[in-house]
Structures are given as C-alpha cells and as structure tokens.
Amino acid sequence: MAAGAAAGIWMLVLSLWGAVAGGQNITARIGESLVLNCKGAPKKPPQQLEWKLNTGRTEAWKVLSPQGDSWDSVARVLPNGSLLLPAVGMQDEGTFRCRAKSRSGKETKSNYRVRVYQIPGKLEIVAPASELMAGVPNKVGTCVSDGGYPAGTLSWHLDGKPLILDGKGVSVKEETRRHPETGLFTVQSELMVTPARGGSPHPTFSCSFNPGLRQHPALHTVPIQPSVWEPVPLEKVQLVVEPEGGAAAPGEKVTLTCEAPAQPPPQIHWIKDGMPLPLPSSPVLLLPEVGPQDQGTYSCVATSPGHRPQESPAISISIVGTGEEGTTAGSVGGSGLGSLALALGILGGVGMAVLIIGVIMWRRWQHQGPERKAPENQEEEEEHTELNQSEEPEVAEGSVGGP
C-alpha cells in the first residue's frame, strides 16, 4: 500500500512538471514501437531540428539529428522530423526534447516524459479459503501479480468495496520481487481477516492490480466466496468404550470413541497412562486384538480453535478370562494339559519312590555299618560267634512254640 501511495505522488509530480515545462506524459507498452512528433518542424527536408534524449541508455543528454548518427535499434529521426523508437524497453524511460525551426525562422520546442509498462501475465488469488471461522483470524488467500512493470499495487475488495486495513480484523502481508533478467515484478499480498459473528455467511472477496498509469484502469481477479462458520463451543468431552466397562478377553476387539460436539470438529488426541500416544488426530481409537500390552487407563483430549483443550474422564482397559466359548475351547486344550500333568505326576511319583527307597537303603547301611565292623582280636570274634549260635535255637524254639 505504501508503494501505491509513492506511485501516486510520483504521477502527481510528473504531471505538474509537464504542465510547467509544457511537456507531455507518454506511456508505451514494452516491446511496442513509439513515435514522438517534433512540433514546428517542416514536414519535408531539409529541416533544422535536433532531438535530445536523457534516458536509461544515456549517461547524459544524447543528441540526434537528421544528418547525425542514429541508433537504428534504439531510436532514429524519420524524414518528417519525428523520432522513432522501434521497440520500447525499460531503459527508454526518460525525457525526450525536440527543438525545431520552421522555414520562416520560428523556433518550437517539444518536451516528452516517457514511461513504459507491462501488463502482468498472471493476476489471480492462489490458495483461496473455502471456509472461514467467525471470531478468529483466517487466511483468505494470496493475490499474485506476476510479470508486470512497474510493480504497481494490489488492493483487496469485500463485496465490491475497497477493504479498509485496520491491522486488527483486516491485515495484509505484502512481498515484491524483481526478476534479475527481465526486470519484471512479482507482487504478492496475503489477506488475513477476522469475520464478525453474525455477519454475512458468504462474503465475496476480490483483488485488483493498479499499474499506476492514468491511461490504464485497474485489473481485477475472479472473486472468491468462502463460507463463514459460527464456532460452536466445546461441550463436555465423553469417552465411550466397546465392550462396555472396558473388560475384554485376550484377542478381542476394543473400540474407544471420543465424543466432543463442536463446530468445526475439534482435533482429538489420545492419552494412555498419562502419556500422549503418537497417533494422528482421530475421534476413534481401535484396538483390534487386545493383549496385556493394551491394558491401562485411556483418555482423549479435544482441541478447538479459540477454546482451551478439554480432556475426557479416563477409562480403564483390562484383560479378563474367556467366556463360554473360551471355556469350550479351553476344555479341548485342557485334555492336552491334563495328559501332560498326569505324565508329570507319574514321573514325579516314580522319582519320589526311588528317593524314598534310596533313603531307606542308606539308613539301613548306616545301621549295619557298626555291626559289620571287624573285631579287634580273635577272641572277641569267637565269643561273638558263640553268642549268635546260642541265640538262634532260642529263636527257633520260640517260633515253633509260640502258638
């Protein structure tokens, strides 16, 4: 917008200068030819005249005359005294003066201020918004003018009227670039607006390009008409789990649904055991086959523009035993487990029996050890033999006569 004001001031200065000096402002499109008439010059040679040029091509005034050298590709004096520029370029902007004498000796001066221009090759609103939210800043779009000269200015319009920039509800971000080879300009203007609540549901925005030349009117883009949404505040956020209660058998599917009514729909993120889950925003969290790793406490957080994030009450997911179908399936597998347990029991019983027998044998060996100890001398051995022989008949007799 500041560039537009500067261009306007420049045009005013040039017009005043032309009025004072008796000059004329000329605009020519880049690449086209331009003819400047030398007033007061005879229409046929011989003529007494000279042209003086002060442009971007000259360091000082350049003098051209019918008898002098000419710039064939830049400018040359025609037989009638006019100056021809075959293809006007940016360097031809400047001042042109002609001084001529008529055959009667009257001298006439002509002054021209030449400016060149190029209509932008593209003028459009890129990335236009389809929806806006009332009460919050929104990006409407970016107006782009590409390939123009001079840079010109971009202006936004709302419902056909100029949009007033207040820096609060309406603001723009402008950028101007110049091509290093062609010298043409690319100008961008990004519009941000905060629609009022209860305003128009379908405002119409358009953008215009003003080259800063009085002879050429402004150019307009195709208008856009986004929809305006009235935000609905977040209500209480609820978390629903299926199966109800959050208890599921191993391998069962569990679905968590976060209910957060708002307009537009809020962003939903999930939390497990107090830690955010690295998942994209979604109102549904699906656990296709739950296992021990899925047990824990779950909650969801809803985030909506213009409102604080709201978290739902937490729900616990737990793994429980199988139901009737699981029991049936378990009975099939139970027979295999029972057979294994029986085999282990048998092996354990055999091992226990072997252990008990080993203990008995060991204790008997400990008990008989002293009895089998060798006597210290021969007399004790003979005495021990006699005692055994005297005891054996008694035992025999007792066994016979006992009953």
Protein backbone atom coordinates (compact mmCIF):
# COMPACT_ATOMS: atom_id res chain seq x y z
CA MET A 1 0.00 0.00 0.00
CA ALA A 2 2.92 2.33 0.70
CA ALA A 3 4.21 1.59 -2.81
CA GLY A 4 0.83 2.68 -4.20
CA ALA A 5 0.98 5.99 -2.34
CA ALA A 6 4.51 6.59 -3.61
CA ALA A 7 3.41 5.85 -7.18
CA GLY A 8 0.52 8.28 -6.84
CA ILE A 9 2.82 11.04 -5.58
CA TRP A 10 5.22 10.35 -8.43
CA MET A 11 2.46 10.66 -11.02
CA LEU A 12 1.36 13.95 -9.46
CA VAL A 13 4.90 15.33 -9.60
CA LEU A 14 5.29 14.27 -13.21
CA SER A 15 2.01 15.83 -14.22
CA LEU A 16 2.93 19.10 -12.53
CA TRP A 17 6.35 19.06 -14.15
CA GLY A 18 4.77 18.50 -17.55
CA ALA A 19 2.34 21.34 -17.02
CA VAL A 20 5.11 23.75 -16.04
CA ALA A 21 7.52 22.75 -18.77
CA GLY A 22 4.86 22.44 -21.41
CA GLY A 23 5.69 18.74 -21.70
CA GLN A 24 3.57 15.69 -22.29
CA ASN A 25 3.50 12.39 -20.45
CA ILE A 26 3.66 9.38 -22.74
CA THR A 27 3.20 5.72 -21.81
CA ALA A 28 4.28 2.90 -24.09
CA ARG A 29 3.98 -0.85 -23.69
CA ILE A 30 7.27 -2.71 -23.51
CA GLY A 31 8.23 -4.18 -26.85
CA GLU A 32 5.98 -1.94 -28.94
CA SER A 33 7.09 0.94 -31.18
CA LEU A 34 6.74 4.61 -30.21
CA VAL A 35 6.75 7.73 -32.40
CA LEU A 36 7.33 11.18 -30.91
CA ASN A 37 6.42 14.18 -33.08
CA CYS A 38 8.69 17.22 -33.32
CA LYS A 39 6.32 20.16 -33.27
CA GLY A 40 7.04 23.08 -35.60
CA ALA A 41 9.33 21.08 -37.87
CA PRO A 42 8.76 21.21 -41.65
CA LYS A 43 7.14 18.04 -42.92
CA LYS A 44 9.74 17.63 -45.65
CA PRO A 45 13.51 18.01 -45.61
CA PRO A 46 15.55 20.00 -45.29
CA GLN A 47 14.76 20.63 -41.62
CA GLN A 48 16.59 22.39 -38.90
CA LEU A 49 15.96 20.30 -35.76
CA GLU A 50 17.62 18.18 -33.15
CA TRP A 51 16.48 15.65 -30.59
CA LYS A 52 17.98 15.43 -27.12
CA LEU A 53 17.48 12.27 -25.07
CA ASN A 54 18.13 11.64 -21.39
CA THR A 55 17.15 8.02 -20.65
CA GLY A 56 18.46 4.91 -19.00
CA ARG A 57 20.58 4.24 -22.06
CA THR A 58 22.50 7.53 -21.86
CA GLU A 59 24.85 8.88 -19.23
CA ALA A 60 23.93 12.45 -20.24
CA TRP A 61 21.93 14.12 -22.97
CA LYS A 62 22.20 12.32 -26.29
CA VAL A 63 21.76 14.46 -29.42
CA LEU A 64 20.18 13.07 -32.58
CA SER A 65 19.58 14.95 -35.81
CA PRO A 66 18.53 14.06 -39.33
CA GLN A 67 22.11 14.49 -40.50
CA GLY A 68 23.73 12.78 -37.49
CA ASP A 69 24.27 9.18 -36.48
CA SER A 70 21.25 7.18 -35.46
CA TRP A 71 20.60 4.30 -33.12
CA ASP A 72 18.99 2.01 -35.63
CA SER A 73 17.89 -0.49 -32.96
CA VAL A 74 17.04 2.17 -30.37
CA ALA A 75 15.91 5.44 -31.96
CA ARG A 76 16.21 7.31 -35.25
CA VAL A 77 14.89 10.52 -36.78
CA LEU A 78 12.30 9.99 -39.51
CA PRO A 79 12.18 12.11 -42.71
CA ASN A 80 9.35 14.23 -41.27
CA GLY A 81 11.46 15.01 -38.18
CA SER A 82 9.65 12.64 -35.79
CA LEU A 83 11.62 10.28 -33.51
CA LEU A 84 11.01 6.56 -33.83
CA LEU A 85 11.72 4.02 -31.07
CA PRO A 86 11.23 0.61 -32.77
CA ALA A 87 10.88 -1.44 -29.58
CA VAL A 88 10.48 0.40 -26.32
CA GLY A 89 12.25 -1.05 -23.30
CA MET A 90 12.69 -0.16 -19.64
CA GLN A 91 15.90 1.73 -20.43
CA ASP A 92 13.96 4.07 -22.72
CA GLU A 93 12.16 5.67 -19.81
CA GLY A 94 13.23 9.27 -19.52
CA THR A 95 12.99 12.73 -21.12
CA PHE A 96 12.86 13.49 -24.85
CA ARG A 97 13.14 17.06 -26.22
CA CYS A 98 12.97 18.38 -29.73
CA ARG A 99 13.90 21.89 -30.92
CA ALA A 100 12.94 22.81 -34.46
CA LYS A 101 12.94 25.91 -36.70
CA SER A 102 10.37 26.45 -39.39
CA ARG A 103 11.31 27.84 -42.78
CA SER A 104 10.08 31.19 -41.54
CA GLY A 105 12.61 31.01 -38.68
CA LYS A 106 10.15 30.34 -35.86
CA GLU A 107 11.55 28.06 -33.15
CA THR A 108 9.38 25.46 -31.43
CA LYS A 109 10.23 23.13 -28.54
CA SER A 110 8.64 19.82 -27.66
CA ASN A 111 9.07 18.00 -24.35
CA TYR A 112 8.06 14.41 -23.60
CA ARG A 113 8.26 12.31 -20.47
CA VAL A 114 8.16 8.66 -21.50
CA ARG A 115 7.18 5.82 -19.20
CA VAL A 116 6.87 2.16 -20.16
CA TYR A 117 4.63 -0.55 -18.74
CA GLN A 118 3.87 -4.24 -18.95
CA ILE A 119 0.54 -5.81 -18.02
CA PRO A 120 1.04 -8.73 -15.58
CA GLY A 121 0.96 -12.09 -17.25
CA LYS A 122 -0.89 -13.54 -14.26
CA LEU A 123 -3.25 -11.96 -11.76
CA GLU A 124 -5.08 -14.39 -9.50
CA ILE A 125 -5.85 -15.41 -5.93
CA VAL A 126 -3.90 -18.53 -5.08
CA ALA A 127 -4.76 -20.93 -2.25
CA PRO A 128 -8.20 -19.37 -1.69
CA ALA A 129 -10.01 -20.32 1.50
CA SER A 130 -13.27 -22.22 1.14
CA GLU A 131 -14.30 -21.71 4.78
CA LEU A 132 -13.72 -19.02 7.38
CA MET A 133 -14.44 -19.08 11.10
CA ALA A 134 -16.09 -16.10 12.73
CA GLY A 135 -14.31 -14.50 15.65
CA VAL A 136 -10.80 -15.77 14.81
CA PRO A 137 -8.16 -14.68 12.24
CA ASN A 138 -8.40 -16.52 8.90
CA LYS A 139 -6.21 -16.52 5.81
CA VAL A 140 -8.45 -15.65 2.86
CA GLY A 141 -5.83 -16.19 0.15
CA THR A 142 -2.81 -14.70 -1.59
CA CYS A 143 -3.24 -12.31 -4.52
CA VAL A 144 -0.36 -12.65 -7.01
CA SER A 145 0.58 -10.26 -9.81
CA ASP A 146 3.33 -11.83 -11.91
CA GLY A 147 5.29 -10.30 -14.79
CA GLY A 148 4.23 -6.66 -14.53
CA TYR A 149 6.01 -3.34 -14.86
CA PRO A 150 6.10 -1.13 -12.94
CA ALA A 151 5.47 -3.10 -9.77
CA GLY A 152 2.08 -1.47 -9.27
CA THR A 153 -0.13 -2.07 -6.26
CA LEU A 154 -2.53 -4.78 -5.15
CA SER A 155 -5.77 -3.95 -3.36
CA TRP A 156 -8.42 -6.17 -1.76
CA HIS A 157 -12.17 -5.69 -2.05
CA LEU A 158 -15.05 -7.02 0.04
CA ASP A 159 -18.43 -7.27 -1.66
CA GLY A 160 -17.21 -4.91 -4.36
CA LYS A 161 -15.95 -2.20 -1.98
CA PRO A 162 -12.32 -1.45 -1.04
CA LEU A 163 -11.31 -3.33 2.08
CA ILE A 164 -10.01 -1.00 4.78
CA LEU A 165 -6.91 -2.28 6.56
CA ASP A 166 -7.06 -1.70 10.31
CA GLY A 167 -4.26 -4.04 11.39
CA LYS A 168 -6.66 -5.95 13.65
CA GLY A 169 -9.58 -7.56 11.95
CA VAL A 170 -8.11 -6.98 8.48
CA SER A 171 -4.41 -7.10 7.61
CA VAL A 172 -2.19 -7.93 4.64
CA LYS A 173 1.34 -9.18 4.23
CA GLU A 174 2.99 -7.92 1.03
CA GLU A 175 6.09 -9.03 -0.84
CA THR A 176 7.65 -7.61 -4.02
CA ARG A 177 10.31 -9.37 -6.10
CA ARG A 178 12.02 -8.31 -9.33
CA HIS A 179 13.27 -10.78 -11.92
CA PRO A 180 17.04 -10.34 -12.31
CA GLU A 181 16.96 -10.81 -16.11
CA THR A 182 13.65 -9.40 -17.36
CA GLY A 183 13.28 -6.69 -14.73
CA LEU A 184 9.58 -7.54 -14.38
CA PHE A 185 7.93 -7.59 -10.96
CA THR A 186 6.08 -10.22 -8.96
CA VAL A 187 3.91 -8.79 -6.20
CA GLN A 188 2.10 -10.85 -3.55
CA SER A 189 -0.50 -9.77 -1.00
CA GLU A 190 -1.71 -12.22 1.66
CA LEU A 191 -5.03 -11.26 3.25
CA MET A 192 -5.99 -12.10 6.85
CA VAL A 193 -9.49 -11.29 8.16
CA THR A 194 -11.46 -11.92 11.32
CA PRO A 195 -15.11 -12.23 10.31
CA ALA A 196 -17.58 -10.74 12.79
CA ARG A 197 -20.04 -13.04 14.50
CA GLY A 198 -23.45 -12.75 12.95
CA GLY A 199 -22.05 -11.26 9.74
CA SER A 200 -22.51 -12.34 6.15
CA PRO A 201 -22.35 -16.13 5.78
CA HIS A 202 -20.93 -15.84 2.23
CA PRO A 203 -18.71 -12.74 1.81
CA THR A 204 -17.21 -12.02 -1.63
CA PHE A 205 -13.50 -11.16 -1.85
CA SER A 206 -11.59 -9.95 -4.91
CA CYS A 207 -8.20 -8.44 -5.65
CA SER A 208 -7.19 -5.71 -8.10
CA PHE A 209 -3.90 -4.62 -9.66
CA ASN A 210 -3.24 -0.95 -10.34
CA PRO A 211 -0.21 -0.27 -12.57
CA GLY A 212 -0.12 3.38 -11.52
CA LEU A 213 -0.79 4.63 -15.05
CA ARG A 214 -3.67 7.02 -15.55
CA GLN A 215 -4.36 5.73 -19.03
CA HIS A 216 -4.80 2.14 -17.88
CA PRO A 217 -7.53 1.07 -15.45
CA ALA A 218 -7.03 -1.46 -12.68
CA LEU A 219 -7.25 -5.18 -13.35
CA HIS A 220 -9.45 -7.44 -11.20
CA THR A 221 -9.22 -11.10 -10.27
CA VAL A 222 -12.05 -13.59 -10.33
CA PRO A 223 -13.89 -13.16 -6.98
CA ILE A 224 -14.00 -15.89 -4.35
CA GLN A 225 -16.85 -16.55 -1.92
CA PRO A 226 -15.89 -18.61 1.14
CA SER A 227 -18.42 -19.74 3.75
CA VAL A 228 -18.28 -18.35 7.27
CA TRP A 229 -18.82 -20.75 10.19
CA GLU A 230 -20.05 -19.69 13.57
CA PRO A 231 -17.93 -21.66 16.06
CA VAL A 232 -19.85 -23.87 18.50
CA PRO A 233 -18.02 -24.10 21.85
CA LEU A 234 -16.86 -27.47 23.10
CA GLU A 235 -19.29 -29.26 25.34
CA LYS A 236 -18.31 -31.86 27.90
CA VAL A 237 -15.96 -34.39 26.33
CA GLN A 238 -17.02 -38.01 26.87
CA LEU A 239 -15.23 -41.29 26.19
CA VAL A 240 -17.27 -44.35 25.19
CA VAL A 241 -15.77 -47.86 25.14
CA GLU A 242 -17.00 -51.03 23.48
CA PRO A 243 -17.32 -53.59 25.05
CA GLU A 244 -18.93 -51.68 27.87
CA GLY A 245 -16.86 -51.46 31.01
CA GLY A 246 -13.54 -51.86 29.21
CA ALA A 247 -13.08 -55.53 30.17
CA ALA A 248 -12.15 -57.74 27.22
CA ALA A 249 -10.86 -61.24 26.59
CA PRO A 250 -7.42 -61.70 25.03
CA GLY A 251 -7.60 -61.15 21.27
CA GLU A 252 -10.95 -59.34 21.44
CA LYS A 253 -11.53 -56.01 19.63
CA VAL A 254 -11.90 -52.87 21.76
CA THR A 255 -13.16 -49.56 20.36
CA LEU A 256 -12.73 -46.21 22.13
CA THR A 257 -14.81 -43.28 20.82
CA CYS A 258 -14.21 -39.68 21.91
CA GLU A 259 -17.44 -37.65 21.79
CA ALA A 260 -16.69 -33.91 21.59
CA PRO A 261 -19.52 -31.93 19.94
CA ALA A 262 -18.20 -28.69 18.43
CA GLN A 263 -18.16 -26.77 15.17
CA PRO A 264 -15.85 -27.11 13.39
CA PRO A 265 -14.88 -30.60 14.61
CA PRO A 266 -12.03 -30.40 17.13
CA GLN A 267 -8.70 -32.15 16.97
CA ILE A 268 -8.71 -35.36 19.04
CA HIS A 269 -5.57 -36.82 20.63
CA TRP A 270 -5.22 -39.84 22.90
CA ILE A 271 -3.52 -40.42 26.24
CA LYS A 272 -2.61 -43.74 27.87
CA ASP A 273 -1.46 -43.95 31.47
CA GLY A 274 -0.83 -40.20 31.44
CA MET A 275 1.38 -40.24 28.33
CA PRO A 276 0.30 -38.95 24.86
CA LEU A 277 0.06 -41.63 22.19
CA PRO A 278 1.94 -40.85 18.93
CA LEU A 279 -1.18 -41.17 16.77
CA PRO A 280 -2.79 -38.83 14.21
CA SER A 281 -5.87 -36.90 15.27
CA SER A 282 -8.93 -39.18 15.22
CA PRO A 283 -12.12 -39.44 17.30
CA VAL A 284 -11.85 -43.27 17.29
CA LEU A 285 -9.10 -45.43 18.78
CA LEU A 286 -9.29 -49.08 17.69
CA LEU A 287 -7.51 -51.91 19.49
CA PRO A 288 -8.10 -54.84 17.08
CA GLU A 289 -6.70 -57.67 19.26
CA VAL A 290 -6.11 -56.64 22.84
CA GLY A 291 -3.36 -58.15 24.86
CA PRO A 292 -1.55 -57.44 28.13
CA GLN A 293 0.28 -54.55 26.48
CA ASP A 294 -3.04 -52.78 25.85
CA GLN A 295 -4.13 -52.75 29.49
CA GLY A 296 -4.12 -49.34 31.11
CA THR A 297 -6.02 -46.11 31.59
CA TYR A 298 -7.15 -44.20 28.47
CA SER A 299 -8.48 -40.67 27.94
CA CYS A 300 -8.90 -38.28 24.99
CA VAL A 301 -8.16 -34.55 24.63
CA ALA A 302 -10.23 -32.31 22.34
CA THR A 303 -8.66 -29.11 20.99
CA SER A 304 -10.76 -26.48 19.19
CA PRO A 305 -9.65 -23.01 17.93
CA GLY A 306 -10.50 -20.31 20.39
CA HIS A 307 -11.05 -22.75 23.28
CA ARG A 308 -8.87 -24.44 25.83
CA PRO A 309 -8.17 -28.16 25.40
CA GLN A 310 -10.62 -30.39 27.27
CA GLU A 311 -9.82 -33.90 28.50
CA SER A 312 -12.37 -36.67 28.97
CA PRO A 313 -12.75 -38.79 32.09
CA ALA A 314 -10.42 -41.77 32.00
CA ILE A 315 -11.50 -45.35 31.22
CA SER A 316 -9.55 -48.49 32.17
CA ILE A 317 -8.99 -51.35 29.75
CA SER A 318 -8.41 -54.73 31.40
CA ILE A 319 -7.90 -58.30 30.18
CA VAL A 320 -10.21 -60.93 31.73
CA GLY A 321 -10.74 -64.72 31.35
CA THR A 322 -12.55 -66.18 28.37
CA GLY A 323 -16.32 -66.60 28.26
CA GLU A 324 -18.34 -69.75 27.45
CA GLU A 325 -16.81 -70.13 24.03
CA GLY A 326 -13.41 -69.67 25.55
CA THR A 327 -14.21 -72.34 28.15
CA THR A 328 -15.21 -74.75 25.45
CA ALA A 329 -12.08 -74.09 23.58
CA GLY A 330 -10.17 -74.38 26.80
CA SER A 331 -11.62 -77.85 27.51
CA VAL A 332 -10.12 -79.09 24.26
CA GLY A 333 -6.82 -77.75 25.20
CA GLY A 334 -7.38 -78.89 28.81
CA SER A 335 -7.19 -82.56 27.87
CA GLY A 336 -3.75 -81.98 26.49
CA LEU A 337 -2.76 -80.10 29.61
CA GLY A 338 -4.26 -82.88 31.77
CA SER A 339 -2.28 -85.56 29.97
CA LEU A 340 0.84 -83.58 30.46
CA ALA A 341 0.05 -83.11 34.13
CA LEU A 342 -0.65 -86.86 34.52
CA ALA A 343 2.64 -87.76 32.88
CA LEU A 344 4.45 -85.32 35.10
CA GLY A 345 2.65 -86.76 38.13
CA ILE A 346 3.68 -90.31 37.28
CA LEU A 347 7.25 -89.29 36.71
CA GLY A 348 7.17 -87.38 39.95
CA GLY A 349 5.76 -90.40 41.84
CA VAL A 350 8.42 -92.72 40.44
CA GLY A 351 11.09 -90.26 41.35
CA MET A 352 9.68 -89.93 44.86
CA ALA A 353 9.63 -93.72 45.29
CA VAL A 354 13.21 -94.02 44.14
CA LEU A 355 14.15 -91.30 46.55
CA ILE A 356 12.39 -92.99 49.48
CA ILE A 357 13.99 -96.38 48.70
CA GLY A 358 17.36 -94.72 48.49
CA VAL A 359 16.85 -93.13 51.87
CA ILE A 360 15.81 -96.44 53.44
CA MET A 361 18.80 -98.25 51.98
CA TRP A 362 21.09 -95.53 53.14
CA ARG A 363 19.74 -95.63 56.69
CA ARG A 364 19.97 -99.43 56.79
CA TRP A 365 23.51 -99.26 55.60
CA GLN A 366 24.26 -96.73 58.32
CA HIS A 367 22.65 -99.00 60.88
CA GLN A 368 24.52 -102.10 59.80
CA GLY A 369 27.82 -100.42 59.45
CA PRO A 370 28.88 -100.74 63.14
CA GLU A 371 27.68 -104.32 63.29
CA ARG A 372 29.89 -105.34 60.42
CA LYS A 373 32.86 -103.61 61.89
CA ALA A 374 35.81 -106.04 62.15
CA PRO A 375 36.62 -107.23 65.73
CA GLU A 376 39.74 -106.04 67.31
CA ASN A 377 41.07 -109.57 68.12
CA GLN A 378 40.33 -113.22 67.52
CA GLU A 379 38.91 -113.85 70.96
CA GLU A 380 36.18 -111.33 70.53
CA GLU A 381 35.22 -112.85 67.15
CA GLU A 382 34.94 -116.36 68.64
CA GLU A 383 32.91 -115.05 71.55
CA HIS A 384 30.60 -113.23 69.18
CA THR A 385 30.12 -116.41 67.14
CA GLU A 386 29.22 -118.44 70.17
CA LEU A 387 26.67 -115.94 71.31
CA ASN A 388 24.99 -115.96 67.89
CA GLN A 389 24.79 -119.74 67.91
CA SER A 390 23.24 -119.80 71.37
CA GLU A 391 20.60 -117.24 70.34
CA GLU A 392 19.48 -118.92 67.12
CA PRO A 393 17.99 -122.09 68.77
CA GLU A 394 16.06 -119.93 71.23
CA VAL A 395 14.59 -118.01 68.42
CA ALA A 396 13.66 -121.19 66.67
CA GLU A 397 12.04 -122.65 69.70
CA GLY A 398 10.11 -119.53 70.39
CA SER A 399 8.84 -119.52 66.87
CA VAL A 400 7.62 -123.08 66.99
CA GLY A 401 6.00 -122.99 70.38
CA GLY A 402 4.60 -119.61 70.17
CA PRO A 403 1.09 -120.53 69.02
